[in-house]
């Protein structure tokens, strides 16, 4: 089998395509959550804490000198990223929990009893005839 045929067989399997769609949707979801945190959640929190912009919170480790920029530790951006992570992790947890619940319901569906073989049917008939005597 040529490499192109192998690659085509690999790429066209359902789970690979599903994974690719999940990655694209997940990337877009991450951007939405980042914007939600930066533009909706953090400004009111910053206002409650004394009109603080979390993106600007930093500790200067070394002052700027001449053409060299200052060295800063941007902990405000880190806090914002942590809030992003918590929201995304919670959303993934909820989706996984819902999928597991649906899978359990699917597994608990009643299974029809197996159809007896001809031998079993014949033996059942013989048993029933013997009971009648």
N, C-alpha and C. Protein backbone atom coordinates (compact mmCIF):
# COMPACT_ATOMS: atom_id res chain seq x y z
N UNK A 1 0.85 -1.18 0.00
CA UNK A 1 0.00 0.00 0.00
C UNK A 1 0.90 1.24 0.00
N UNK A 2 0.58 2.18 -0.87
CA UNK A 2 1.40 3.38 -0.95
C UNK A 2 1.14 4.29 0.24
N UNK A 3 2.04 5.19 0.45
CA UNK A 3 1.92 6.11 1.58
C UNK A 3 0.68 6.98 1.43
N UNK A 4 0.38 7.41 0.21
CA UNK A 4 -0.81 8.25 -0.01
C UNK A 4 -2.09 7.49 0.32
N UNK A 5 -2.17 6.20 -0.08
CA UNK A 5 -3.36 5.40 0.23
C UNK A 5 -3.49 5.19 1.73
N UNK A 6 -2.36 4.94 2.40
CA UNK A 6 -2.39 4.76 3.86
C UNK A 6 -2.86 6.04 4.55
N UNK A 7 -2.32 7.17 4.09
CA UNK A 7 -2.70 8.45 4.68
C UNK A 7 -4.18 8.73 4.46
N UNK A 8 -4.67 8.44 3.26
CA UNK A 8 -6.08 8.66 2.96
C UNK A 8 -6.96 7.78 3.85
N UNK A 9 -6.59 6.52 4.01
CA UNK A 9 -7.35 5.62 4.88
C UNK A 9 -7.34 6.11 6.31
N UNK A 10 -6.19 6.60 6.76
CA UNK A 10 -6.07 7.13 8.12
C UNK A 10 -6.92 8.38 8.30
N UNK A 11 -6.81 9.31 7.36
CA UNK A 11 -7.49 10.61 7.48
C UNK A 11 -9.00 10.49 7.33
N UNK A 12 -9.48 9.49 6.63
CA UNK A 12 -10.91 9.37 6.38
C UNK A 12 -11.63 8.55 7.45
N UNK A 13 -10.90 8.00 8.40
CA UNK A 13 -11.57 7.31 9.50
C UNK A 13 -12.37 8.34 10.29
N UNK A 14 -13.53 7.93 10.76
CA UNK A 14 -14.44 8.85 11.44
C UNK A 14 -13.83 9.54 12.65
N UNK A 15 -13.09 8.80 13.47
CA UNK A 15 -12.58 9.39 14.70
C UNK A 15 -11.52 10.46 14.43
N UNK A 16 -10.77 10.35 13.35
CA UNK A 16 -9.77 11.37 13.03
C UNK A 16 -10.45 12.66 12.59
N UNK A 17 -11.48 12.52 11.78
CA UNK A 17 -12.22 13.70 11.32
C UNK A 17 -12.92 14.36 12.51
N UNK A 18 -13.52 13.55 13.38
CA UNK A 18 -14.17 14.10 14.58
C UNK A 18 -13.17 14.84 15.46
N UNK A 19 -11.98 14.28 15.59
CA UNK A 19 -10.95 14.92 16.41
C UNK A 19 -10.54 16.27 15.80
N UNK A 20 -10.40 16.31 14.48
CA UNK A 20 -10.02 17.56 13.82
C UNK A 20 -11.10 18.63 14.03
N UNK A 21 -12.35 18.24 13.90
CA UNK A 21 -13.45 19.19 14.13
C UNK A 21 -13.42 19.67 15.57
N UNK A 22 -13.19 18.75 16.50
CA UNK A 22 -13.12 19.11 17.92
C UNK A 22 -12.01 20.10 18.21
N UNK A 23 -10.87 19.93 17.56
CA UNK A 23 -9.74 20.84 17.78
C UNK A 23 -10.07 22.23 17.27
N UNK A 24 -10.68 22.31 16.09
CA UNK A 24 -11.03 23.62 15.52
C UNK A 24 -12.08 24.31 16.39
N UNK A 25 -13.12 23.57 16.78
CA UNK A 25 -14.17 24.16 17.62
C UNK A 25 -13.59 24.53 18.99
N UNK A 26 -12.72 23.69 19.53
CA UNK A 26 -12.10 23.98 20.81
C UNK A 26 -11.25 25.24 20.77
N UNK A 27 -10.53 25.45 19.67
CA UNK A 27 -9.73 26.67 19.52
C UNK A 27 -10.61 27.91 19.49
N UNK A 28 -11.71 27.81 18.75
CA UNK A 28 -12.63 28.95 18.69
C UNK A 28 -13.28 29.19 20.06
N UNK A 29 -13.63 28.10 20.76
CA UNK A 29 -14.23 28.22 22.09
C UNK A 29 -13.24 28.88 23.05
N UNK A 30 -11.97 28.52 22.94
CA UNK A 30 -10.95 29.13 23.80
C UNK A 30 -10.85 30.63 23.57
N UNK A 31 -10.94 31.06 22.33
CA UNK A 31 -10.88 32.50 22.04
C UNK A 31 -12.11 33.22 22.60
N UNK A 32 -13.26 32.57 22.49
CA UNK A 32 -14.49 33.18 23.03
C UNK A 32 -14.38 33.34 24.54
N UNK A 33 -13.90 32.29 25.21
CA UNK A 33 -13.77 32.35 26.67
C UNK A 33 -12.74 33.40 27.06
N UNK A 34 -11.63 33.49 26.34
CA UNK A 34 -10.61 34.50 26.65
C UNK A 34 -11.19 35.91 26.54
N UNK A 35 -11.95 36.14 25.48
CA UNK A 35 -12.57 37.45 25.32
C UNK A 35 -13.60 37.70 26.42
N UNK A 36 -14.39 36.68 26.77
CA UNK A 36 -15.38 36.81 27.83
C UNK A 36 -14.72 37.19 29.15
N UNK A 37 -13.63 36.51 29.47
CA UNK A 37 -12.94 36.80 30.73
C UNK A 37 -12.32 38.19 30.70
N UNK A 38 -11.60 38.51 29.61
CA UNK A 38 -10.89 39.79 29.54
C UNK A 38 -11.83 40.98 29.44
N UNK A 39 -12.95 40.82 28.71
CA UNK A 39 -13.80 41.97 28.42
C UNK A 39 -15.06 42.06 29.28
N UNK A 40 -15.47 40.94 29.91
CA UNK A 40 -16.72 40.95 30.66
C UNK A 40 -16.50 40.67 32.15
N UNK A 41 -15.70 39.68 32.47
CA UNK A 41 -15.55 39.29 33.88
C UNK A 41 -14.52 40.15 34.62
N UNK A 42 -13.35 40.34 34.04
CA UNK A 42 -12.28 41.03 34.76
C UNK A 42 -12.53 42.52 34.98
N UNK A 43 -13.13 43.28 34.06
CA UNK A 43 -13.36 44.70 34.34
C UNK A 43 -14.21 44.96 35.59
N UNK A 44 -15.34 44.24 35.81
CA UNK A 44 -16.08 44.49 37.05
C UNK A 44 -15.29 44.09 38.30
N UNK A 45 -14.53 43.00 38.19
CA UNK A 45 -13.71 42.59 39.34
C UNK A 45 -12.66 43.65 39.62
N UNK A 46 -12.04 44.16 38.57
CA UNK A 46 -11.06 45.23 38.73
C UNK A 46 -11.67 46.49 39.32
N UNK A 47 -12.90 46.80 38.92
CA UNK A 47 -13.58 47.98 39.46
C UNK A 47 -13.87 47.80 40.95
N UNK A 48 -14.27 46.60 41.34
CA UNK A 48 -14.54 46.32 42.76
C UNK A 48 -13.26 46.40 43.60
N UNK A 49 -12.14 46.11 42.98
CA UNK A 49 -10.86 46.14 43.70
C UNK A 49 -10.17 47.49 43.61
N UNK A 50 -10.87 48.50 43.17
CA UNK A 50 -10.28 49.84 43.16
C UNK A 50 -9.82 50.27 41.78
N UNK A 51 -10.64 50.00 40.78
CA UNK A 51 -10.36 50.41 39.40
C UNK A 51 -9.01 49.89 38.91
N UNK A 52 -8.81 48.59 39.07
CA UNK A 52 -7.57 47.93 38.66
C UNK A 52 -7.80 47.24 37.33
N UNK A 53 -6.89 47.43 36.38
CA UNK A 53 -6.91 46.70 35.12
C UNK A 53 -5.95 45.52 35.26
N UNK A 54 -6.47 44.31 35.28
CA UNK A 54 -5.64 43.14 35.53
C UNK A 54 -4.55 42.96 34.48
N UNK A 55 -4.81 43.36 33.25
CA UNK A 55 -3.79 43.23 32.21
C UNK A 55 -2.57 44.10 32.50
N UNK A 56 -2.76 45.17 33.28
CA UNK A 56 -1.65 46.08 33.60
C UNK A 56 -0.92 45.74 34.89
N UNK A 57 -1.43 44.78 35.66
CA UNK A 57 -0.78 44.44 36.93
C UNK A 57 0.55 43.73 36.66
N UNK A 58 1.61 44.31 37.18
CA UNK A 58 2.94 43.75 36.96
C UNK A 58 3.89 44.25 38.04
N UNK A 59 4.94 43.49 38.23
CA UNK A 59 6.01 43.89 39.14
C UNK A 59 7.24 44.15 38.27
N UNK A 60 7.82 45.32 38.42
CA UNK A 60 9.01 45.66 37.63
C UNK A 60 10.24 45.07 38.29
N UNK A 61 10.90 44.18 37.57
CA UNK A 61 12.11 43.55 38.10
C UNK A 61 13.35 44.39 37.80
N UNK A 62 13.33 45.04 36.63
CA UNK A 62 14.46 45.89 36.26
C UNK A 62 13.90 47.05 35.44
N UNK A 63 14.23 48.27 35.86
CA UNK A 63 13.75 49.47 35.18
C UNK A 63 14.32 49.56 33.76
N UNK A 64 13.59 50.26 32.91
CA UNK A 64 14.07 50.48 31.55
C UNK A 64 15.25 51.43 31.58
N UNK A 65 16.20 51.18 30.70
CA UNK A 65 17.35 52.08 30.60
C UNK A 65 17.72 52.23 29.14
N UNK A 66 17.60 53.46 28.62
CA UNK A 66 17.94 53.72 27.23
C UNK A 66 17.00 52.98 26.29
N UNK A 67 17.58 52.19 25.40
CA UNK A 67 16.79 51.43 24.43
C UNK A 67 16.31 50.09 24.98
N UNK A 68 16.77 49.72 26.14
CA UNK A 68 16.41 48.43 26.73
C UNK A 68 15.10 48.58 27.50
N UNK A 69 14.13 47.72 27.17
CA UNK A 69 12.83 47.79 27.83
C UNK A 69 12.92 47.26 29.25
N UNK A 70 11.96 47.64 30.06
CA UNK A 70 11.92 47.18 31.45
C UNK A 70 11.59 45.69 31.49
N UNK A 71 12.12 45.03 32.50
CA UNK A 71 11.81 43.61 32.72
C UNK A 71 10.70 43.56 33.78
N UNK A 72 9.55 42.99 33.39
CA UNK A 72 8.41 42.97 34.30
C UNK A 72 7.87 41.55 34.47
N UNK A 73 7.27 41.33 35.61
CA UNK A 73 6.58 40.08 35.91
C UNK A 73 5.08 40.38 35.84
N UNK A 74 4.42 39.96 34.75
CA UNK A 74 3.03 40.32 34.47
C UNK A 74 2.07 39.33 35.12
N UNK A 75 1.86 39.46 36.41
CA UNK A 75 1.00 38.52 37.11
C UNK A 75 -0.48 38.77 36.84
N UNK A 76 -0.85 39.95 36.40
CA UNK A 76 -2.25 40.23 36.08
C UNK A 76 -2.72 39.41 34.89
N UNK A 77 -1.90 39.31 33.87
CA UNK A 77 -2.23 38.50 32.71
C UNK A 77 -2.31 37.02 33.10
N UNK A 78 -1.46 36.62 34.04
CA UNK A 78 -1.48 35.24 34.52
C UNK A 78 -2.79 34.93 35.23
N UNK A 79 -3.25 35.85 36.07
CA UNK A 79 -4.54 35.67 36.76
C UNK A 79 -5.66 35.54 35.74
N UNK A 80 -5.63 36.38 34.73
CA UNK A 80 -6.64 36.34 33.67
C UNK A 80 -6.61 34.99 32.95
N UNK A 81 -5.42 34.48 32.66
CA UNK A 81 -5.29 33.19 31.99
C UNK A 81 -5.79 32.06 32.87
N UNK A 82 -5.56 32.15 34.17
CA UNK A 82 -6.05 31.13 35.10
C UNK A 82 -7.58 31.10 35.12
N UNK A 83 -8.21 32.26 35.08
CA UNK A 83 -9.67 32.32 35.04
C UNK A 83 -10.17 31.70 33.73
N UNK A 84 -9.49 31.99 32.61
CA UNK A 84 -9.81 31.36 31.33
C UNK A 84 -9.78 29.84 31.47
N UNK A 85 -8.70 29.33 32.05
CA UNK A 85 -8.51 27.89 32.20
C UNK A 85 -9.63 27.27 33.02
N UNK A 86 -9.98 27.90 34.12
CA UNK A 86 -11.02 27.33 35.00
C UNK A 86 -12.35 27.26 34.25
N UNK A 87 -12.69 28.28 33.50
CA UNK A 87 -13.95 28.28 32.76
C UNK A 87 -13.94 27.19 31.68
N UNK A 88 -12.86 27.09 30.93
CA UNK A 88 -12.77 26.07 29.88
C UNK A 88 -12.79 24.67 30.48
N UNK A 89 -12.04 24.46 31.56
CA UNK A 89 -12.02 23.14 32.20
C UNK A 89 -13.40 22.76 32.72
N UNK A 90 -14.12 23.71 33.29
CA UNK A 90 -15.47 23.42 33.78
C UNK A 90 -16.41 23.08 32.63
N UNK A 91 -16.30 23.80 31.52
CA UNK A 91 -17.15 23.52 30.36
C UNK A 91 -16.86 22.13 29.81
N UNK A 92 -15.60 21.76 29.71
CA UNK A 92 -15.24 20.42 29.22
C UNK A 92 -15.73 19.35 30.19
N UNK A 93 -15.63 19.61 31.48
CA UNK A 93 -16.14 18.67 32.49
C UNK A 93 -17.63 18.44 32.30
N UNK A 94 -18.38 19.52 32.10
CA UNK A 94 -19.83 19.39 31.95
C UNK A 94 -20.20 18.63 30.68
N UNK A 95 -19.49 18.88 29.58
CA UNK A 95 -19.76 18.15 28.33
C UNK A 95 -19.44 16.68 28.51
N UNK A 96 -18.31 16.37 29.14
CA UNK A 96 -17.92 14.98 29.36
C UNK A 96 -18.92 14.28 30.27
N UNK A 97 -19.38 14.96 31.30
CA UNK A 97 -20.36 14.38 32.21
C UNK A 97 -21.66 14.09 31.47
N UNK A 98 -22.11 15.00 30.63
CA UNK A 98 -23.34 14.78 29.85
C UNK A 98 -23.19 13.60 28.90
N UNK A 99 -22.03 13.51 28.25
CA UNK A 99 -21.80 12.39 27.33
C UNK A 99 -21.78 11.06 28.08
N UNK A 100 -21.16 11.03 29.25
CA UNK A 100 -21.13 9.79 30.03
C UNK A 100 -22.52 9.40 30.49
N UNK A 101 -23.35 10.36 30.86
CA UNK A 101 -24.73 10.07 31.26
C UNK A 101 -25.51 9.48 30.09
N UNK A 102 -25.34 10.06 28.90
CA UNK A 102 -26.03 9.52 27.73
C UNK A 102 -25.54 8.12 27.40
N UNK A 103 -24.25 7.88 27.55
CA UNK A 103 -23.69 6.56 27.26
C UNK A 103 -24.24 5.52 28.24
N UNK A 104 -24.37 5.88 29.52
CA UNK A 104 -24.92 4.96 30.52
C UNK A 104 -26.37 4.62 30.20
N UNK A 105 -27.16 5.63 29.80
CA UNK A 105 -28.55 5.37 29.44
C UNK A 105 -28.63 4.44 28.25
N UNK A 106 -27.72 4.62 27.30
CA UNK A 106 -27.69 3.78 26.11
C UNK A 106 -27.34 2.34 26.48
N UNK A 107 -26.40 2.17 27.42
CA UNK A 107 -26.00 0.83 27.84
C UNK A 107 -27.10 0.15 28.64
N UNK A 108 -27.91 0.91 29.37
CA UNK A 108 -28.95 0.34 30.21
C UNK A 108 -30.22 0.02 29.43
N UNK A 109 -30.26 0.31 28.16
CA UNK A 109 -31.44 0.02 27.36
C UNK A 109 -31.70 -1.49 27.41
N UNK A 110 -32.98 -1.88 27.52
CA UNK A 110 -33.29 -3.30 27.62
C UNK A 110 -32.85 -4.05 26.37
N UNK A 111 -32.25 -5.19 26.62
CA UNK A 111 -31.77 -6.02 25.52
C UNK A 111 -32.78 -7.13 25.31
N UNK A 112 -33.18 -7.35 24.06
CA UNK A 112 -34.14 -8.40 23.75
C UNK A 112 -33.50 -9.76 24.04
N UNK A 113 -34.30 -10.69 24.58
CA UNK A 113 -33.73 -12.01 24.85
C UNK A 113 -33.32 -12.68 23.55
N UNK A 114 -32.26 -13.48 23.60
CA UNK A 114 -31.80 -14.12 22.37
C UNK A 114 -32.83 -15.12 21.85
N UNK A 115 -32.92 -15.22 20.55
CA UNK A 115 -33.85 -16.15 19.92
C UNK A 115 -33.32 -17.57 20.13
N UNK A 116 -34.16 -18.49 20.67
CA UNK A 116 -33.67 -19.85 20.92
C UNK A 116 -33.37 -20.59 19.61
N UNK A 117 -32.37 -21.44 19.68
CA UNK A 117 -32.00 -22.23 18.50
C UNK A 117 -33.07 -23.30 18.25
N UNK A 118 -32.98 -23.97 17.11
CA UNK A 118 -33.95 -25.03 16.78
C UNK A 118 -33.89 -26.16 17.80
N UNK A 119 -32.68 -26.47 18.26
CA UNK A 119 -32.53 -27.53 19.27
C UNK A 119 -33.24 -27.15 20.55
N UNK A 120 -33.07 -25.89 20.99
CA UNK A 120 -33.72 -25.43 22.21
C UNK A 120 -35.23 -25.45 22.06
N UNK A 121 -35.73 -25.04 20.88
CA UNK A 121 -37.17 -25.07 20.65
C UNK A 121 -37.70 -26.50 20.72
N UNK A 122 -36.99 -27.42 20.10
CA UNK A 122 -37.39 -28.83 20.11
C UNK A 122 -37.38 -29.38 21.52
N UNK A 123 -36.33 -29.07 22.28
CA UNK A 123 -36.26 -29.54 23.66
C UNK A 123 -37.37 -28.94 24.52
N UNK A 124 -37.73 -27.69 24.27
CA UNK A 124 -38.82 -27.05 25.00
C UNK A 124 -40.14 -27.75 24.69
N UNK A 125 -40.36 -28.07 23.43
CA UNK A 125 -41.58 -28.78 23.05
C UNK A 125 -41.65 -30.15 23.72
N UNK A 126 -40.53 -30.87 23.74
CA UNK A 126 -40.48 -32.18 24.38
C UNK A 126 -40.78 -32.05 25.87
N UNK A 127 -40.18 -31.06 26.50
CA UNK A 127 -40.42 -30.84 27.93
C UNK A 127 -41.89 -30.55 28.20
N UNK A 128 -42.49 -29.70 27.37
CA UNK A 128 -43.89 -29.36 27.56
C UNK A 128 -44.79 -30.57 27.36
N UNK A 129 -44.47 -31.45 26.39
CA UNK A 129 -45.25 -32.66 26.16
C UNK A 129 -45.14 -33.61 27.34
N UNK A 130 -43.94 -33.73 27.90
CA UNK A 130 -43.73 -34.61 29.06
C UNK A 130 -44.49 -34.08 30.27
N UNK A 131 -44.60 -32.79 30.44
CA UNK A 131 -45.33 -32.20 31.56
C UNK A 131 -46.82 -32.49 31.43
N UNK A 132 -47.32 -32.51 30.23
CA UNK A 132 -48.74 -32.74 30.00
C UNK A 132 -49.14 -34.16 30.39
N UNK A 133 -48.24 -35.13 30.33
CA UNK A 133 -48.55 -36.52 30.68
C UNK A 133 -48.52 -36.71 32.11
